[in-house]
Amino acid sequence: MRPPARAFWLSSPGEGEVREVTLPALAEGEVLVRALYSGVSRGTETLVFRGGVPESQYAAMRAPFQEGDFPAPVKYGYLSVGEVEEGPADLVGSTVFCLYPHQTRYVVPATAVTRVPANVPAERAVLAGTVETAVNALWDAAPLVGDRIAVVGGGMVGCSVAALLARFPGVRVQLVDADPARAKTAEALGVDFALPQDARGERDLVVHASATEQGLARSLELLSSEGTVLELSWYGDRRVSLPLGEAFHSRRLVIRSSQVGTVSPSARAGRTYGDRLALALELLADPALDALVTGESAFEELPEVLPRLASGEIPALCHRVRYRGSA
């Protein structure tokens, strides 16, 4: 008998706890993974933590290995990096990424893990799920050489998008956020920074990721005629009002949604979820992306850390969770 694993559960909205979990015996084609690190995606996970998932979106918001149901009790999360301890011989000893909640050890099908490239540190690989979202967003947006682009919202997703856009030839990127401290992050990612009132206008494309009504309205103001706002924000149970009078119609502006739950139809034919995740992990070879990890704590501290992340007391982008034996 294996010793029980330990997992973080949302016991009720705003309250979490660590519970023991009995692991099943390995079946053929499964792997046992020992967690090294996991990541808290502050936007989505804190929305779940406060019980803000609308009932109509319960099915759409389920994580791949979620247990329980919204609003609670629920085991939720999807940014886990670990080492394969048992399973197919070609995977044992490998560092892998898995869309799994915060748990010390877990059993999943071997097809659910993706090998982390040797040139990507395990500590950085927790960003894979977010960079995957950015990849899908840019497949949707299809930026062109020389485009003038603003990314409004310097959170985890917005910064990931800005980091990838910084690699596009001739593209002029400005990260826009109300927090002046994001200027340092923008500098590390190799893009310009502006507060909302100082942002440059006449943008061909604006990627919006602030999850605020004000941010989306400002995104529309920054567009050139016939420009597009690509909306990445998830508002949960909140309603959003927009100024769709004014110049919205006369300037032929576009608001387009993007969501990582499906592979963008703009991607090359035949691209799969696995292809997209593998690409995200390859892109994480860039050490500039370390700027997206702004805090770290031990797994055992999650019941105290999550409320502080949800309240904004800890102003994190990605908050990394460290497991025993990972350092």
C-alpha atoms as a PDB file:
ATOM      1  CA  MET A   1       0.000   0.000   0.000  1.00  0.00           C
ATOM      2  CA  ARG A   2       1.266   3.451  -0.941  1.00  0.00           C
ATOM      3  CA  PRO A   3       1.113   6.173   1.682  1.00  0.00           C
ATOM      4  CA  PRO A   4      -1.787   8.557   0.995  1.00  0.00           C
ATOM      5  CA  ALA A   5      -1.223  11.645  -1.116  1.00  0.00           C
ATOM      6  CA  ARG A   6      -2.345  15.100  -0.020  1.00  0.00           C
ATOM      7  CA  ALA A   7      -4.476  17.462  -2.071  1.00  0.00           C
ATOM      8  CA  PHE A   8      -5.774  21.006  -1.723  1.00  0.00           C
ATOM      9  CA  TRP A   9      -9.583  21.293  -1.719  1.00  0.00           C
ATOM     10  CA  LEU A  10     -11.872  24.297  -1.727  1.00  0.00           C
ATOM     11  CA  SER A  11     -14.118  23.250   1.160  1.00  0.00           C
ATOM     12  CA  SER A  12     -16.504  26.214   0.802  1.00  0.00           C
ATOM     13  CA  PRO A  13     -16.284  29.541  -1.052  1.00  0.00           C
ATOM     14  CA  GLY A  14     -13.381  31.439   0.494  1.00  0.00           C
ATOM     15  CA  GLU A  15     -12.039  28.514   2.541  1.00  0.00           C
ATOM     16  CA  GLY A  16      -9.616  25.750   1.617  1.00  0.00           C
ATOM     17  CA  GLU A  17      -8.015  22.762   3.297  1.00  0.00           C
ATOM     18  CA  VAL A  18      -5.480  19.996   2.654  1.00  0.00           C
ATOM     19  CA  ARG A  19      -6.996  16.501   2.561  1.00  0.00           C
ATOM     20  CA  GLU A  20      -5.484  13.031   2.376  1.00  0.00           C
ATOM     21  CA  VAL A  21      -6.135  11.130  -0.854  1.00  0.00           C
ATOM     22  CA  THR A  22      -5.888   7.380  -1.419  1.00  0.00           C
ATOM     23  CA  LEU A  23      -4.175   6.685  -4.718  1.00  0.00           C
ATOM     24  CA  PRO A  24      -5.443   3.872  -6.951  1.00  0.00           C
ATOM     25  CA  ALA A  25      -3.218   1.060  -8.150  1.00  0.00           C
ATOM     26  CA  LEU A  26      -1.603   1.742 -11.502  1.00  0.00           C
ATOM     27  CA  ALA A  27      -3.379   0.261 -14.491  1.00  0.00           C
ATOM     28  CA  GLU A  28      -1.691  -0.408 -17.817  1.00  0.00           C
ATOM     29  CA  GLY A  29      -0.875   2.846 -19.596  1.00  0.00           C
ATOM     30  CA  GLU A  30      -0.965   4.969 -16.432  1.00  0.00           C
ATOM     31  CA  VAL A  31       1.746   6.889 -14.604  1.00  0.00           C
ATOM     32  CA  LEU A  32       2.371   7.845 -10.993  1.00  0.00           C
ATOM     33  CA  VAL A  33       3.605  11.437 -10.804  1.00  0.00           C
ATOM     34  CA  ARG A  34       5.300  13.039  -7.802  1.00  0.00           C
ATOM     35  CA  ALA A  35       4.604  16.764  -7.856  1.00  0.00           C
ATOM     36  CA  LEU A  36       7.552  19.139  -7.867  1.00  0.00           C
ATOM     37  CA  TYR A  37       5.724  22.426  -8.468  1.00  0.00           C
ATOM     38  CA  SER A  38       2.274  23.661  -9.325  1.00  0.00           C
ATOM     39  CA  GLY A  39       1.022  27.098 -10.256  1.00  0.00           C
ATOM     40  CA  VAL A  40      -1.948  29.162  -9.119  1.00  0.00           C
ATOM     41  CA  SER A  41      -3.476  31.003 -12.057  1.00  0.00           C
ATOM     42  CA  ARG A  42      -4.601  34.007 -10.050  1.00  0.00           C
ATOM     43  CA  GLY A  43      -7.489  35.097 -12.283  1.00  0.00           C
ATOM     44  CA  THR A  44      -9.345  31.820 -12.799  1.00  0.00           C
ATOM     45  CA  GLU A  45      -8.438  30.065  -9.573  1.00  0.00           C
ATOM     46  CA  THR A  46      -9.275  32.981  -7.311  1.00  0.00           C
ATOM     47  CA  LEU A  47     -12.618  33.331  -9.119  1.00  0.00           C
ATOM     48  CA  VAL A  48     -13.259  29.654  -8.319  1.00  0.00           C
ATOM     49  CA  PHE A  49     -12.011  30.199  -4.769  1.00  0.00           C
ATOM     50  CA  ARG A  50     -14.532  32.937  -4.062  1.00  0.00           C
ATOM     51  CA  GLY A  51     -17.385  30.885  -5.588  1.00  0.00           C
ATOM     52  CA  GLY A  52     -17.800  33.162  -8.609  1.00  0.00           C
ATOM     53  CA  VAL A  53     -18.353  30.568 -11.358  1.00  0.00           C
ATOM     54  CA  PRO A  54     -21.845  31.119 -12.854  1.00  0.00           C
ATOM     55  CA  GLU A  55     -24.065  28.036 -12.699  1.00  0.00           C
ATOM     56  CA  SER A  56     -24.486  28.169 -16.479  1.00  0.00           C
ATOM     57  CA  GLN A  57     -20.707  27.681 -16.837  1.00  0.00           C
ATOM     58  CA  TYR A  58     -20.211  24.826 -14.376  1.00  0.00           C
ATOM     59  CA  ALA A  59     -19.616  22.291 -17.160  1.00  0.00           C
ATOM     60  CA  ALA A  60     -17.451  24.580 -19.316  1.00  0.00           C
ATOM     61  CA  MET A  61     -15.231  25.539 -16.357  1.00  0.00           C
ATOM     62  CA  ARG A  62     -14.431  22.005 -15.200  1.00  0.00           C
ATOM     63  CA  ALA A  63     -10.713  21.286 -15.091  1.00  0.00           C
ATOM     64  CA  PRO A  64      -9.549  17.995 -16.677  1.00  0.00           C
ATOM     65  CA  PHE A  65      -8.952  16.192 -13.361  1.00  0.00           C
ATOM     66  CA  GLN A  66     -11.289  18.193 -11.165  1.00  0.00           C
ATOM     67  CA  GLU A  67     -13.075  16.373  -8.364  1.00  0.00           C
ATOM     68  CA  GLY A  68     -16.254  17.647  -6.752  1.00  0.00           C
ATOM     69  CA  ASP A  69     -18.548  20.291  -8.186  1.00  0.00           C
ATOM     70  CA  PHE A  70     -18.843  24.071  -8.179  1.00  0.00           C
ATOM     71  CA  PRO A  71     -19.171  26.047  -6.055  1.00  0.00           C
ATOM     72  CA  ALA A  72     -17.711  23.616  -3.443  1.00  0.00           C
ATOM     73  CA  PRO A  73     -16.355  21.301  -2.217  1.00  0.00           C
ATOM     74  CA  VAL A  74     -14.089  21.025  -5.238  1.00  0.00           C
ATOM     75  CA  LYS A  75     -10.485  20.086  -6.042  1.00  0.00           C
ATOM     76  CA  TYR A  76      -9.444  22.512  -8.763  1.00  0.00           C
ATOM     77  CA  GLY A  77      -6.265  23.451 -10.610  1.00  0.00           C
ATOM     78  CA  TYR A  78      -4.439  22.731 -13.862  1.00  0.00           C
ATOM     79  CA  LEU A  79      -0.755  23.729 -13.662  1.00  0.00           C
ATOM     80  CA  SER A  80       1.260  20.825 -12.261  1.00  0.00           C
ATOM     81  CA  VAL A  81       4.848  19.777 -12.939  1.00  0.00           C
ATOM     82  CA  GLY A  82       6.235  16.564 -11.543  1.00  0.00           C
ATOM     83  CA  GLU A  83       8.479  13.555 -11.980  1.00  0.00           C
ATOM     84  CA  VAL A  84       7.148  10.216 -13.215  1.00  0.00           C
ATOM     85  CA  GLU A  85       7.914   7.608 -10.545  1.00  0.00           C
ATOM     86  CA  GLU A  86       6.101   4.612 -12.058  1.00  0.00           C
ATOM     87  CA  GLY A  87       4.682   3.780 -15.455  1.00  0.00           C
ATOM     88  CA  PRO A  88       5.978   3.085 -18.968  1.00  0.00           C
ATOM     89  CA  ALA A  89       9.768   2.691 -18.958  1.00  0.00           C
ATOM     90  CA  ASP A  90      10.324   5.538 -21.418  1.00  0.00           C
ATOM     91  CA  LEU A  91       8.605   7.993 -19.045  1.00  0.00           C
ATOM     92  CA  VAL A  92       9.947   6.906 -15.644  1.00  0.00           C
ATOM     93  CA  GLY A  93      12.276   9.598 -14.320  1.00  0.00           C
ATOM     94  CA  SER A  94      10.984  12.221 -16.769  1.00  0.00           C
ATOM     95  CA  THR A  95       9.845  15.687 -15.744  1.00  0.00           C
ATOM     96  CA  VAL A  96       6.322  16.212 -17.071  1.00  0.00           C
ATOM     97  CA  PHE A  97       3.551  18.805 -17.167  1.00  0.00           C
ATOM     98  CA  CYS A  98      -0.038  17.807 -16.400  1.00  0.00           C
ATOM     99  CA  LEU A  99      -3.338  19.691 -16.150  1.00  0.00           C
ATOM    100  CA  TYR A 100      -3.804  18.451 -12.580  1.00  0.00           C
ATOM    101  CA  PRO A 101      -4.890  20.192  -9.347  1.00  0.00           C
ATOM    102  CA  HIS A 102      -2.574  20.891  -6.405  1.00  0.00           C
ATOM    103  CA  GLN A 103      -1.686  17.425  -5.085  1.00  0.00           C
ATOM    104  CA  THR A 104       1.520  15.793  -3.841  1.00  0.00           C
ATOM    105  CA  ARG A 105       1.228  12.618  -5.969  1.00  0.00           C
ATOM    106  CA  TYR A 106      -1.343  11.507  -8.536  1.00  0.00           C
ATOM    107  CA  VAL A 107      -2.158   8.758 -11.024  1.00  0.00           C
ATOM    108  CA  VAL A 108      -3.205   9.713 -14.556  1.00  0.00           C
ATOM    109  CA  PRO A 109      -3.132   8.140 -18.033  1.00  0.00           C
ATOM    110  CA  ALA A 110       0.299   8.461 -19.636  1.00  0.00           C
ATOM    111  CA  THR A 111      -1.379  10.359 -22.456  1.00  0.00           C
ATOM    112  CA  ALA A 112      -2.293  13.129 -19.960  1.00  0.00           C
ATOM    113  CA  VAL A 113       1.310  14.134 -19.300  1.00  0.00           C
ATOM    114  CA  THR A 114       3.650  16.061 -21.598  1.00  0.00           C
ATOM    115  CA  ARG A 115       7.392  15.743 -21.258  1.00  0.00           C
ATOM    116  CA  VAL A 116       9.110  19.008 -20.291  1.00  0.00           C
ATOM    117  CA  PRO A 117      12.016  19.804 -22.654  1.00  0.00           C
ATOM    118  CA  ALA A 118      15.469  19.461 -21.118  1.00  0.00           C
ATOM    119  CA  ASN A 119      16.174  23.188 -21.600  1.00  0.00           C
ATOM    120  CA  VAL A 120      13.073  24.245 -19.609  1.00  0.00           C
ATOM    121  CA  PRO A 121      13.460  24.264 -15.792  1.00  0.00           C
ATOM    122  CA  ALA A 122      10.670  22.546 -13.862  1.00  0.00           C
ATOM    123  CA  GLU A 123      10.137  25.761 -11.921  1.00  0.00           C
ATOM    124  CA  ARG A 124       9.277  27.638 -15.132  1.00  0.00           C
ATOM    125  CA  ALA A 125       7.235  24.825 -16.660  1.00  0.00           C
ATOM    126  CA  VAL A 126       4.274  25.648 -14.375  1.00  0.00           C
ATOM    127  CA  LEU A 127       3.597  28.477 -16.854  1.00  0.00           C
ATOM    128  CA  ALA A 128       2.832  26.014 -19.660  1.00  0.00           C
ATOM    129  CA  GLY A 129      -0.939  26.233 -19.334  1.00  0.00           C
ATOM    130  CA  THR A 130      -0.909  30.021 -19.467  1.00  0.00           C
ATOM    131  CA  VAL A 131       1.538  30.217 -22.360  1.00  0.00           C
ATOM    132  CA  GLU A 132      -0.714  27.699 -24.128  1.00  0.00           C
ATOM    133  CA  THR A 133      -3.585  30.192 -23.699  1.00  0.00           C
ATOM    134  CA  ALA A 134      -1.372  32.890 -25.213  1.00  0.00           C
ATOM    135  CA  VAL A 135      -0.480  30.649 -28.159  1.00  0.00           C
ATOM    136  CA  ASN A 136      -4.162  30.023 -28.848  1.00  0.00           C
ATOM    137  CA  ALA A 137      -4.924  33.746 -28.537  1.00  0.00           C
ATOM    138  CA  LEU A 138      -2.272  34.628 -31.106  1.00  0.00           C
ATOM    139  CA  TRP A 139      -3.548  31.924 -33.434  1.00  0.00           C
ATOM    140  CA  ASP A 140      -6.933  33.664 -33.129  1.00  0.00           C
ATOM    141  CA  ALA A 141      -5.511  37.180 -33.481  1.00  0.00           C
ATOM    142  CA  ALA A 142      -3.129  36.363 -36.361  1.00  0.00           C
ATOM    143  CA  PRO A 143      -0.957  39.497 -35.932  1.00  0.00           C
ATOM    144  CA  LEU A 144       0.899  40.759 -38.994  1.00  0.00           C
ATOM    145  CA  VAL A 145       4.472  41.966 -39.400  1.00  0.00           C
ATOM    146  CA  GLY A 146       4.610  45.616 -38.344  1.00  0.00           C
ATOM    147  CA  ASP A 147       1.315  45.663 -36.449  1.00  0.00           C
ATOM    148  CA  ARG A 148       0.818  48.227 -33.682  1.00  0.00           C
ATOM    149  CA  ILE A 149      -0.508  46.236 -30.733  1.00  0.00           C
ATOM    150  CA  ALA A 150      -1.571  46.972 -27.156  1.00  0.00           C
ATOM    151  CA  VAL A 151      -2.055  44.320 -24.501  1.00  0.00           C
ATOM    152  CA  VAL A 152      -4.418  45.738 -21.898  1.00  0.00           C
ATOM    153  CA  GLY A 153      -4.116  43.927 -18.581  1.00  0.00           C
ATOM    154  CA  GLY A 154      -0.733  42.932 -17.217  1.00  0.00           C
ATOM    155  CA  GLY A 155      -1.830  39.779 -15.446  1.00  0.00           C
ATOM    156  CA  MET A 156      -0.560  36.282 -16.086  1.00  0.00           C
ATOM    157  CA  VAL A 157      -2.306  35.826 -19.448  1.00  0.00           C
ATOM    158  CA  GLY A 158      -1.697  39.379 -20.697  1.00  0.00           C
ATOM    159  CA  CYS A 159       2.001  39.201 -19.876  1.00  0.00           C
ATOM    160  CA  SER A 160       2.293  35.819 -21.604  1.00  0.00           C
ATOM    161  CA  VAL A 161       0.724  37.288 -24.745  1.00  0.00           C
ATOM    162  CA  ALA A 162       3.024  40.313 -24.597  1.00  0.00           C
ATOM    163  CA  ALA A 163       6.071  38.059 -24.187  1.00  0.00           C
ATOM    164  CA  LEU A 164       5.206  36.078 -27.318  1.00  0.00           C
ATOM    165  CA  LEU A 165       4.358  39.210 -29.308  1.00  0.00           C
ATOM    166  CA  ALA A 166       7.772  40.643 -28.450  1.00  0.00           C
ATOM    167  CA  ARG A 167       9.257  37.968 -30.742  1.00  0.00           C
ATOM    168  CA  PHE A 168       7.212  38.983 -33.800  1.00  0.00           C
ATOM    169  CA  PRO A 169       9.267  40.916 -36.392  1.00  0.00           C
ATOM    170  CA  GLY A 170       8.409  44.591 -36.661  1.00  0.00           C
ATOM    171  CA  VAL A 171       5.535  44.408 -34.190  1.00  0.00           C
ATOM    172  CA  ARG A 172       5.330  47.315 -31.744  1.00  0.00           C
ATOM    173  CA  VAL A 173       3.881  46.098 -28.452  1.00  0.00           C
ATOM    174  CA  GLN A 174       2.791  48.117 -25.439  1.00  0.00           C
ATOM    175  CA  LEU A 175       1.647  46.501 -22.197  1.00  0.00           C
ATOM    176  CA  VAL A 176      -1.048  48.631 -20.534  1.00  0.00           C
ATOM    177  CA  ASP A 177      -1.931  48.249 -16.867  1.00  0.00           C
ATOM    178  CA  ALA A 178      -3.166  50.418 -14.000  1.00  0.00           C
ATOM    179  CA  ASP A 179      -0.393  49.125 -11.715  1.00  0.00           C
ATOM    180  CA  PRO A 180       2.869  51.053 -12.269  1.00  0.00           C
ATOM    181  CA  ALA A 181       4.782  48.061 -10.878  1.00  0.00           C
ATOM    182  CA  ARG A 182       3.994  46.177 -14.101  1.00  0.00           C
ATOM    183  CA  ALA A 183       6.520  48.433 -15.874  1.00  0.00           C
ATOM    184  CA  LYS A 184       9.307  46.288 -14.451  1.00  0.00           C
ATOM    185  CA  THR A 185       7.630  43.133 -15.778  1.00  0.00           C
ATOM    186  CA  ALA A 186       7.195  44.715 -19.206  1.00  0.00           C
ATOM    187  CA  GLU A 187      10.876  45.635 -19.265  1.00  0.00           C
ATOM    188  CA  ALA A 188      11.863  42.058 -18.446  1.00  0.00           C
ATOM    189  CA  LEU A 189       9.648  40.800 -21.278  1.00  0.00           C
ATOM    190  CA  GLY A 190      11.088  43.273 -23.774  1.00  0.00           C
ATOM    191  CA  VAL A 191       7.973  45.390 -24.395  1.00  0.00           C
ATOM    192  CA  ASP A 192       6.937  48.991 -23.703  1.00  0.00           C
ATOM    193  CA  PHE A 193       4.663  49.908 -20.790  1.00  0.00           C
ATOM    194  CA  ALA A 194       2.003  52.561 -20.202  1.00  0.00           C
ATOM    195  CA  LEU A 195      -0.656  53.401 -17.653  1.00  0.00           C
ATOM    196  CA  PRO A 196      -4.151  53.354 -19.238  1.00  0.00           C
ATOM    197  CA  GLN A 197      -4.361  57.150 -19.602  1.00  0.00           C
ATOM    198  CA  ASP A 198      -0.955  57.276 -21.299  1.00  0.00           C
ATOM    199  CA  ALA A 199      -1.364  54.373 -23.720  1.00  0.00           C
ATOM    200  CA  ARG A 200      -0.735  54.979 -27.406  1.00  0.00           C
ATOM    201  CA  GLY A 201      -3.799  54.903 -29.676  1.00  0.00           C
ATOM    202  CA  GLU A 202      -4.329  53.947 -33.312  1.00  0.00           C
ATOM    203  CA  ARG A 203      -3.578  50.299 -32.552  1.00  0.00           C
ATOM    204  CA  ASP A 204      -4.288  47.699 -35.246  1.00  0.00           C
ATOM    205  CA  LEU A 205      -4.959  45.078 -32.563  1.00  0.00           C
ATOM    206  CA  VAL A 206      -5.679  45.248 -28.848  1.00  0.00           C
ATOM    207  CA  VAL A 207      -5.556  42.099 -26.743  1.00  0.00           C
ATOM    208  CA  HIS A 208      -7.688  42.619 -23.645  1.00  0.00           C
ATOM    209  CA  ALA A 209      -6.940  40.575 -20.524  1.00  0.00           C
ATOM    210  CA  SER A 210      -7.695  42.853 -17.557  1.00  0.00           C
ATOM    211  CA  ALA A 211     -11.098  41.271 -16.769  1.00  0.00           C
ATOM    212  CA  THR A 212     -12.480  44.757 -16.055  1.00  0.00           C
ATOM    213  CA  GLU A 213     -15.205  46.783 -17.723  1.00  0.00           C
ATOM    214  CA  GLN A 214     -12.918  49.824 -17.753  1.00  0.00           C
ATOM    215  CA  GLY A 215     -10.152  47.872 -19.442  1.00  0.00           C
ATOM    216  CA  LEU A 216     -12.400  46.679 -22.241  1.00  0.00           C
ATOM    217  CA  ALA A 217     -13.772  50.185 -22.815  1.00  0.00           C
ATOM    218  CA  ARG A 218     -10.229  51.567 -22.941  1.00  0.00           C
ATOM    219  CA  SER A 219      -9.253  48.824 -25.393  1.00  0.00           C
ATOM    220  CA  LEU A 220     -11.911  50.056 -27.822  1.00  0.00           C
ATOM    221  CA  GLU A 221     -10.615  53.617 -27.484  1.00  0.00           C
ATOM    222  CA  LEU A 222      -7.089  52.527 -28.421  1.00  0.00           C
ATOM    223  CA  LEU A 223      -8.079  50.955 -31.750  1.00  0.00           C
ATOM    224  CA  SER A 224      -7.536  52.393 -35.189  1.00  0.00           C
ATOM    225  CA  SER A 225     -10.447  52.280 -37.635  1.00  0.00           C
ATOM    226  CA  GLU A 226     -11.465  48.687 -38.429  1.00  0.00           C
ATOM    227  CA  GLY A 227      -9.218  47.446 -35.616  1.00  0.00           C
ATOM    228  CA  THR A 228      -9.960  44.404 -33.452  1.00  0.00           C
ATOM    229  CA  VAL A 229     -10.119  43.821 -29.716  1.00  0.00           C
ATOM    230  CA  LEU A 230      -9.353  40.189 -28.926  1.00  0.00           C
ATOM    231  CA  GLU A 231     -11.117  39.513 -25.620  1.00  0.00           C
ATOM    232  CA  LEU A 232      -9.341  37.028 -23.357  1.00  0.00           C
ATOM    233  CA  SER A 233     -10.936  38.049 -20.056  1.00  0.00           C
ATOM    234  CA  TRP A 234     -13.202  35.714 -18.124  1.00  0.00           C
ATOM    235  CA  TYR A 235     -15.776  37.707 -16.151  1.00  0.00           C
ATOM    236  CA  GLY A 236     -17.430  34.849 -14.305  1.00  0.00           C
ATOM    237  CA  ASP A 237     -20.765  36.013 -12.888  1.00  0.00           C
ATOM    238  CA  ARG A 238     -20.177  39.733 -13.555  1.00  0.00           C
ATOM    239  CA  ARG A 239     -22.032  41.768 -16.202  1.00  0.00           C
ATOM    240  CA  VAL A 240     -20.106  44.202 -18.400  1.00  0.00           C
ATOM    241  CA  SER A 241     -21.377  47.474 -19.932  1.00  0.00           C
ATOM    242  CA  LEU A 242     -19.696  48.928 -23.014  1.00  0.00           C
ATOM    243  CA  PRO A 243     -19.899  52.220 -24.959  1.00  0.00           C
ATOM    244  CA  LEU A 244     -21.152  50.718 -28.212  1.00  0.00           C
ATOM    245  CA  GLY A 245     -22.625  54.045 -29.289  1.00  0.00           C
ATOM    246  CA  GLU A 246     -20.012  56.742 -29.859  1.00  0.00           C
ATOM    247  CA  ALA A 247     -17.660  55.700 -32.702  1.00  0.00           C
ATOM    248  CA  PHE A 248     -18.055  51.927 -32.425  1.00  0.00           C
ATOM    249  CA  HIS A 249     -20.082  51.562 -35.641  1.00  0.00           C
ATOM    250  CA  SER A 250     -18.678  54.441 -37.680  1.00  0.00           C
ATOM    251  CA  ARG A 251     -15.113  53.168 -37.145  1.00  0.00           C
ATOM    252  CA  ARG A 252     -16.197  49.560 -37.839  1.00  0.00           C
ATOM    253  CA  LEU A 253     -14.556  48.194 -34.694  1.00  0.00           C
ATOM    254  CA  VAL A 254     -14.538  44.476 -33.846  1.00  0.00           C
ATOM    255  CA  ILE A 255     -14.662  42.633 -30.510  1.00  0.00           C
ATOM    256  CA  ARG A 256     -13.704  38.984 -30.866  1.00  0.00           C
ATOM    257  CA  SER A 257     -13.588  36.320 -28.174  1.00  0.00           C
ATOM    258  CA  SER A 258     -10.830  33.777 -27.667  1.00  0.00           C
ATOM    259  CA  GLN A 259     -10.943  30.778 -25.373  1.00  0.00           C
ATOM    260  CA  VAL A 260      -8.387  28.061 -24.762  1.00  0.00           C
ATOM    261  CA  GLY A 261     -11.005  25.295 -24.405  1.00  0.00           C
ATOM    262  CA  THR A 262     -10.871  24.693 -28.151  1.00  0.00           C
ATOM    263  CA  VAL A 263      -7.923  24.854 -30.533  1.00  0.00           C
ATOM    264  CA  SER A 264      -8.215  28.011 -32.608  1.00  0.00           C
ATOM    265  CA  PRO A 265      -9.704  27.331 -36.053  1.00  0.00           C
ATOM    266  CA  SER A 266      -7.056  29.717 -37.391  1.00  0.00           C
ATOM    267  CA  ALA A 267      -4.287  27.231 -36.484  1.00  0.00           C
ATOM    268  CA  ARG A 268      -2.783  25.008 -39.133  1.00  0.00           C
ATOM    269  CA  ALA A 269      -5.089  22.152 -40.082  1.00  0.00           C
ATOM    270  CA  GLY A 270      -4.712  19.144 -37.830  1.00  0.00           C
ATOM    271  CA  ARG A 271      -3.165  20.936 -34.832  1.00  0.00           C
ATOM    272  CA  THR A 272      -4.231  19.154 -31.645  1.00  0.00           C
ATOM    273  CA  TYR A 273      -4.375  20.092 -27.962  1.00  0.00           C
ATOM    274  CA  GLY A 274      -1.175  18.081 -27.521  1.00  0.00           C
ATOM    275  CA  ASP A 275       0.578  19.996 -30.298  1.00  0.00           C
ATOM    276  CA  ARG A 276      -0.420  23.297 -28.726  1.00  0.00           C
ATOM    277  CA  LEU A 277       0.815  22.329 -25.263  1.00  0.00           C
ATOM    278  CA  ALA A 278       4.086  20.944 -26.619  1.00  0.00           C
ATOM    279  CA  LEU A 279       4.659  24.232 -28.447  1.00  0.00           C
ATOM    280  CA  ALA A 280       3.964  26.206 -25.255  1.00  0.00           C
ATOM    281  CA  LEU A 281       6.565  24.142 -23.397  1.00  0.00           C
ATOM    282  CA  GLU A 282       9.133  24.734 -26.157  1.00  0.00           C
ATOM    283  CA  LEU A 283       8.537  28.492 -25.918  1.00  0.00           C
ATOM    284  CA  LEU A 284       9.262  28.342 -22.179  1.00  0.00           C
ATOM    285  CA  ALA A 285      12.955  27.917 -22.944  1.00  0.00           C
ATOM    286  CA  ASP A 286      13.051  31.744 -22.840  1.00  0.00           C
ATOM    287  CA  PRO A 287      14.272  32.808 -19.359  1.00  0.00           C
ATOM    288  CA  ALA A 288      12.480  36.162 -19.760  1.00  0.00           C
ATOM    289  CA  LEU A 289       9.283  34.324 -18.845  1.00  0.00           C
ATOM    290  CA  ASP A 290      10.573  33.872 -15.289  1.00  0.00           C
ATOM    291  CA  ALA A 291       9.235  37.401 -14.748  1.00  0.00           C
ATOM    292  CA  LEU A 292       5.712  35.921 -14.716  1.00  0.00           C
ATOM    293  CA  VAL A 293       6.383  33.993 -11.496  1.00  0.00           C
ATOM    294  CA  THR A 294       6.088  36.577  -8.738  1.00  0.00           C
ATOM    295  CA  GLY A 295       5.685  34.507  -5.592  1.00  0.00           C
ATOM    296  CA  GLU A 296       6.223  31.073  -4.118  1.00  0.00           C
ATOM    297  CA  SER A 297       5.062  29.150  -1.079  1.00  0.00           C
ATOM    298  CA  ALA A 298       5.018  25.598   0.214  1.00  0.00           C
ATOM    299  CA  PHE A 299       2.096  23.323  -0.625  1.00  0.00           C
ATOM    300  CA  GLU A 300       1.130  23.093   3.054  1.00  0.00           C
ATOM    301  CA  GLU A 301       0.606  26.879   3.122  1.00  0.00           C
ATOM    302  CA  LEU A 302      -2.087  26.932   0.401  1.00  0.00           C
ATOM    303  CA  PRO A 303      -5.067  27.200   2.827  1.00  0.00           C
ATOM    304  CA  GLU A 304      -3.558  30.478   4.108  1.00  0.00           C
ATOM    305  CA  VAL A 305      -2.166  31.698   0.768  1.00  0.00           C
ATOM    306  CA  LEU A 306      -5.266  31.337  -1.452  1.00  0.00           C
ATOM    307  CA  PRO A 307      -7.424  33.813   0.543  1.00  0.00           C
ATOM    308  CA  ARG A 308      -4.580  36.354   0.354  1.00  0.00           C
ATOM    309  CA  LEU A 309      -4.260  35.853  -3.398  1.00  0.00           C
ATOM    310  CA  ALA A 310      -8.030  36.192  -3.835  1.00  0.00           C
ATOM    311  CA  SER A 311      -8.120  39.433  -1.825  1.00  0.00           C
ATOM    312  CA  GLY A 312      -5.152  40.927  -3.652  1.00  0.00           C
ATOM    313  CA  GLU A 313      -3.041  41.072  -0.487  1.00  0.00           C
ATOM    314  CA  ILE A 314      -0.510  38.996  -2.448  1.00  0.00           C
ATOM    315  CA  PRO A 315      -0.354  40.806  -5.831  1.00  0.00           C
ATOM    316  CA  ALA A 316       0.866  37.814  -7.825  1.00  0.00           C
ATOM    317  CA  LEU A 317       0.949  37.011 -11.505  1.00  0.00           C
ATOM    318  CA  CYS A 318       1.660  33.287 -11.244  1.00  0.00           C
ATOM    319  CA  HIS A 319       2.095  32.082  -7.679  1.00  0.00           C
ATOM    320  CA  ARG A 320       4.246  28.966  -7.611  1.00  0.00           C
ATOM    321  CA  VAL A 321       3.605  26.144  -5.141  1.00  0.00           C
ATOM    322  CA  ARG A 322       6.615  24.151  -3.987  1.00  0.00           C
ATOM    323  CA  TYR A 323       6.373  20.509  -2.882  1.00  0.00           C
ATOM    324  CA  ARG A 324       8.727  18.676  -0.546  1.00  0.00           C
ATOM    325  CA  GLY A 325      11.748  17.319  -2.341  1.00  0.00           C
ATOM    326  CA  SER A 326      11.437  19.787  -5.231  1.00  0.00           C
ATOM    327  CA  ALA A 327      14.452  21.852  -4.250  1.00  0.00           C
END
